[in-house]
Amino acid sequence: MQPLSINTNKNRNNLLYSPLLVLLLFFYSAAIFADTAEHHQTTPEALLKSITYNLIEALKASKNNLKTNPDITYQLVKTHIAPKLDFIAASRWVLGKHWREADRAQKIRFIKEFRQLLIRFYSSALAEYALTHDLDHNIMHFLPLRETGKKDVTVHSIVSPPGSTKKVPVNYHMHKTHKGWKIYDVSVEGISMITTYKSSFAPQLRNSGVDGLIQSLVERNRKLSTQKVSLNTTP
């Protein structure tokens, strides 16, 4: 069985600011995330704006602790991000035809390991980013929602990275579920997270199928769980 090849540096270059941006979607106030009627009525754009503010405040408050315990971001992502990501939809689109061929046990195992991969990768990258940049509420500007009254929308935003004059377009693809709005994909400068991982997983799926991919994800997650955050990393 060939090991899973996921070029972490390449993915970080392609989705340059996505570790921060994905997390800017959904975070930290229990009041915001509570499954209440008010929450279900929140528009995608308003939800992202509110959560962005709370996340930046939370990161600022935790920054000193991150220097000694960067794993804080992992716990925050695991607790607060996972409920707002539609891992089932993302997994289905990443696997494509292989999803239809997989049995229920394989689907559950893949979702579990893919979820863990995303949480590990983005929490590590977020810790690096938060420790090496000053966070500002003006980093993101959300554009007016183009689609209204639909259950599947794209929220457009422009990001102004600290220390750069470049404006980065970021699109959040969301759909409304019985638990409220959830994000199933994020595109940075036209590069889709789902498409990126689908391309990364394709060789493994061809060579050893879904079981081989799952085992490679298990090994990859085990390695990620032992890696330390490098404070010298520049996004």
Protein backbone atom coordinates (compact mmCIF):
# COMPACT_ATOMS: atom_id res chain seq x y z
CA MET A 1 0.00 0.00 0.00
CA GLN A 2 1.42 3.36 -0.99
CA PRO A 3 1.38 6.15 1.58
CA LEU A 4 -1.02 9.00 1.11
CA SER A 5 0.66 11.96 -0.55
CA ILE A 6 -0.68 15.25 0.71
CA ASN A 7 1.70 18.10 -0.03
CA THR A 8 1.09 20.26 3.02
CA ASN A 9 3.27 23.12 1.79
CA LYS A 10 1.61 23.10 -1.60
CA ASN A 11 -1.85 23.11 -0.04
CA ARG A 12 -0.87 26.00 2.20
CA ASN A 13 0.39 27.94 -0.78
CA ASN A 14 -2.72 27.22 -2.82
CA LEU A 15 -5.03 28.10 0.05
CA LEU A 16 -2.69 30.77 1.38
CA TYR A 17 -4.81 32.24 4.10
CA SER A 18 -7.43 29.51 4.39
CA PRO A 19 -6.35 28.20 7.80
CA LEU A 20 -7.41 31.52 9.27
CA LEU A 21 -10.26 32.14 6.88
CA VAL A 22 -11.97 28.81 7.33
CA LEU A 23 -11.93 29.35 11.06
CA LEU A 24 -13.24 32.88 10.72
CA LEU A 25 -16.51 31.33 9.66
CA PHE A 26 -17.75 29.91 12.88
CA PHE A 27 -16.56 30.30 16.44
CA TYR A 28 -16.67 30.95 19.90
CA SER A 29 -19.85 32.20 21.47
CA ALA A 30 -22.20 29.47 22.63
CA ALA A 31 -25.04 31.90 22.17
CA ILE A 32 -24.28 32.17 18.48
CA PHE A 33 -24.07 28.44 17.96
CA ALA A 34 -27.08 27.45 20.04
CA ASP A 35 -29.72 25.62 18.03
CA THR A 36 -32.45 28.14 18.66
CA ALA A 37 -35.13 29.55 16.38
CA GLU A 38 -33.23 32.82 16.30
CA HIS A 39 -30.09 31.05 15.12
CA HIS A 40 -31.93 29.19 12.39
CA GLN A 41 -33.26 32.49 11.08
CA THR A 42 -29.82 34.11 10.95
CA THR A 43 -28.70 34.88 7.41
CA PRO A 44 -25.41 33.33 6.26
CA GLU A 45 -23.81 36.76 5.83
CA ALA A 46 -24.87 37.97 9.29
CA LEU A 47 -23.71 34.73 10.87
CA LEU A 48 -20.25 35.00 9.33
CA LYS A 49 -19.87 38.62 10.40
CA SER A 50 -20.82 37.88 13.99
CA ILE A 51 -18.61 34.85 14.28
CA THR A 52 -15.65 36.62 12.69
CA TYR A 53 -15.75 39.27 15.40
CA ASN A 54 -15.96 36.71 18.20
CA LEU A 55 -13.15 34.58 16.77
CA ILE A 56 -10.73 37.46 16.49
CA GLU A 57 -11.49 38.48 20.06
CA ALA A 58 -10.96 34.89 21.24
CA LEU A 59 -7.64 34.60 19.41
CA LYS A 60 -6.42 37.89 20.85
CA ALA A 61 -7.32 36.74 24.35
CA SER A 62 -5.58 33.39 23.85
CA LYS A 63 -2.46 34.62 22.06
CA ASN A 64 -0.16 34.58 25.10
CA ASN A 65 -1.27 31.07 26.01
CA LEU A 66 -0.73 29.89 22.44
CA LYS A 67 2.99 30.50 22.82
CA THR A 68 3.21 27.77 25.46
CA ASN A 69 0.23 25.66 24.41
CA PRO A 70 -0.50 25.96 20.68
CA ASP A 71 -2.78 22.91 20.97
CA ILE A 72 -5.40 25.32 22.31
CA THR A 73 -6.50 25.97 18.74
CA TYR A 74 -7.06 22.25 18.18
CA GLN A 75 -9.47 22.07 21.09
CA LEU A 76 -11.26 25.23 19.96
CA VAL A 77 -11.63 23.96 16.41
CA LYS A 78 -12.80 20.53 17.55
CA THR A 79 -15.38 21.98 19.89
CA HIS A 80 -16.73 24.92 17.93
CA ILE A 81 -15.92 24.45 14.24
CA ALA A 82 -16.98 20.87 13.67
CA PRO A 83 -20.69 21.55 14.30
CA LYS A 84 -20.69 24.23 11.59
CA LEU A 85 -18.99 22.19 8.87
CA ASP A 86 -20.98 19.71 6.82
CA PHE A 87 -18.43 16.90 6.80
CA ILE A 88 -20.87 14.44 5.24
CA ALA A 89 -21.47 16.62 2.19
CA ALA A 90 -17.79 17.48 1.89
CA SER A 91 -16.80 13.81 2.15
CA ARG A 92 -19.35 12.81 -0.47
CA TRP A 93 -18.02 15.34 -2.99
CA VAL A 94 -14.37 14.64 -2.23
CA LEU A 95 -14.81 10.91 -2.85
CA GLY A 96 -17.05 11.39 -5.90
CA LYS A 97 -17.95 8.07 -7.52
CA HIS A 98 -16.10 6.21 -4.78
CA TRP A 99 -18.66 7.46 -2.26
CA ARG A 100 -21.42 5.66 -4.14
CA GLU A 101 -19.37 2.47 -4.22
CA ALA A 102 -18.41 2.56 -0.54
CA ASP A 103 -20.43 0.72 2.08
CA ARG A 104 -21.80 2.40 5.20
CA ALA A 105 -18.87 1.39 7.41
CA GLN A 106 -16.34 2.79 4.92
CA LYS A 107 -18.25 6.07 4.67
CA ILE A 108 -18.33 6.49 8.44
CA ARG A 109 -14.62 5.71 8.76
CA PHE A 110 -13.70 8.10 5.97
CA ILE A 111 -15.79 10.95 7.41
CA LYS A 112 -14.13 10.42 10.80
CA GLU A 113 -10.57 10.48 9.44
CA PHE A 114 -11.21 13.29 6.94
CA ARG A 115 -12.74 15.37 9.72
CA GLN A 116 -9.70 14.72 11.90
CA LEU A 117 -7.35 15.67 9.05
CA LEU A 118 -9.06 19.01 8.50
CA ILE A 119 -9.18 19.81 12.21
CA ARG A 120 -5.51 18.91 12.74
CA PHE A 121 -4.24 20.72 9.66
CA TYR A 122 -6.20 23.93 10.05
CA SER A 123 -5.78 24.22 13.82
CA SER A 124 -2.01 23.87 13.43
CA ALA A 125 -1.92 26.45 10.67
CA LEU A 126 -4.18 28.79 12.64
CA ALA A 127 -1.87 28.61 15.67
CA GLU A 128 1.09 29.53 13.47
CA TYR A 129 -0.82 32.39 11.90
CA ALA A 130 -2.14 33.81 15.16
CA LEU A 131 1.32 33.75 16.72
CA THR A 132 3.02 35.54 13.84
CA HIS A 133 0.39 38.15 12.89
CA ASP A 134 -1.56 40.92 14.54
CA LEU A 135 -5.27 40.19 14.16
CA ASP A 136 -7.54 43.05 13.16
CA HIS A 137 -11.29 43.21 12.68
CA ASN A 138 -10.76 44.96 9.36
CA ILE A 139 -9.05 41.92 7.87
CA MET A 140 -12.33 40.79 6.23
CA HIS A 141 -15.02 42.57 4.29
CA PHE A 142 -18.18 40.66 3.41
CA LEU A 143 -19.98 41.59 0.22
CA PRO A 144 -23.80 41.78 0.05
CA LEU A 145 -25.35 38.38 -0.47
CA ARG A 146 -26.22 37.91 -4.15
CA GLU A 147 -28.65 35.05 -3.62
CA THR A 148 -31.55 35.53 -1.24
CA GLY A 149 -34.24 33.09 -0.23
CA LYS A 150 -32.20 30.10 -1.36
CA LYS A 151 -31.06 27.09 0.62
CA ASP A 152 -27.65 26.95 -1.10
CA VAL A 153 -25.68 30.19 -1.27
CA THR A 154 -22.17 31.56 -1.74
CA VAL A 155 -21.03 34.31 0.59
CA HIS A 156 -18.32 36.43 -1.02
CA SER A 157 -15.67 38.28 0.94
CA ILE A 158 -12.47 40.21 0.43
CA VAL A 159 -9.57 39.63 2.78
CA SER A 160 -6.78 42.14 3.41
CA PRO A 161 -3.91 40.10 4.89
CA PRO A 162 -1.79 41.96 7.48
CA GLY A 163 1.33 43.49 5.97
CA SER A 164 0.15 43.03 2.39
CA THR A 165 -1.56 45.26 -0.15
CA LYS A 166 -3.06 42.26 -1.92
CA LYS A 167 -6.80 41.72 -1.69
CA VAL A 168 -7.75 38.05 -1.51
CA PRO A 169 -11.22 36.92 -2.67
CA VAL A 170 -12.68 34.20 -0.47
CA ASN A 171 -16.00 32.46 -1.11
CA TYR A 172 -17.90 30.48 1.49
CA HIS A 173 -20.25 27.84 0.07
CA MET A 174 -23.08 27.18 2.48
CA HIS A 175 -26.37 25.36 2.54
CA LYS A 176 -29.25 25.32 4.95
CA THR A 177 -29.82 22.10 6.85
CA HIS A 178 -32.29 21.13 9.55
CA LYS A 179 -29.59 22.28 12.02
CA GLY A 180 -29.15 25.67 10.39
CA TRP A 181 -26.61 27.00 7.91
CA LYS A 182 -23.49 24.90 7.38
CA ILE A 183 -20.37 25.36 5.29
CA TYR A 184 -19.42 22.59 2.89
CA ASP A 185 -16.61 24.27 0.92
CA VAL A 186 -14.34 27.31 0.94
CA SER A 187 -12.66 28.79 -2.14
CA VAL A 188 -9.62 31.06 -1.88
CA GLU A 189 -8.74 32.92 -5.08
CA GLY A 190 -10.89 30.44 -6.98
CA ILE A 191 -9.20 27.37 -5.46
CA SER A 192 -11.70 25.06 -3.79
CA MET A 193 -10.86 23.15 -0.63
CA ILE A 194 -12.92 20.20 -1.87
CA THR A 195 -11.22 20.19 -5.28
CA THR A 196 -7.79 20.40 -3.64
CA TYR A 197 -8.37 17.38 -1.44
CA LYS A 198 -10.13 15.46 -4.19
CA SER A 199 -7.02 15.84 -6.37
CA SER A 200 -4.76 14.85 -3.47
CA PHE A 201 -6.77 11.71 -2.73
CA ALA A 202 -7.21 10.58 -6.36
CA PRO A 203 -3.92 8.63 -6.72
CA GLN A 204 -4.50 6.73 -3.48
CA LEU A 205 -8.06 5.87 -4.48
CA ARG A 206 -6.87 4.56 -7.85
CA ASN A 207 -4.11 2.46 -6.31
CA SER A 208 -5.72 1.01 -3.19
CA GLY A 209 -9.34 2.10 -3.05
CA VAL A 210 -11.30 3.60 -0.19
CA ASP A 211 -9.81 1.27 2.45
CA GLY A 212 -6.29 2.21 1.39
CA LEU A 213 -7.12 5.91 1.54
CA ILE A 214 -8.66 5.54 4.99
CA GLN A 215 -5.58 3.75 6.31
CA SER A 216 -3.34 6.46 4.87
CA LEU A 217 -5.47 9.11 6.57
CA VAL A 218 -5.13 7.24 9.87
CA GLU A 219 -1.33 7.31 9.50
CA ARG A 220 -1.34 10.95 8.43
CA ASN A 221 -3.49 11.98 11.39
CA ARG A 222 -1.22 10.09 13.76
CA LYS A 223 1.77 12.07 12.47
CA LEU A 224 -0.08 15.37 12.62
CA SER A 225 -1.07 14.69 16.23
CA THR A 226 2.61 14.54 17.24
CA GLN A 227 3.83 17.55 15.26
CA LYS A 228 4.67 20.75 17.07
CA VAL A 229 3.75 24.17 15.76
CA SER A 230 6.69 25.93 14.14
CA LEU A 231 6.74 29.56 15.14
CA ASN A 232 9.15 30.31 12.30
CA THR A 233 6.64 29.35 9.62
CA THR A 234 5.49 32.20 7.41
CA PRO A 235 2.11 31.70 5.70
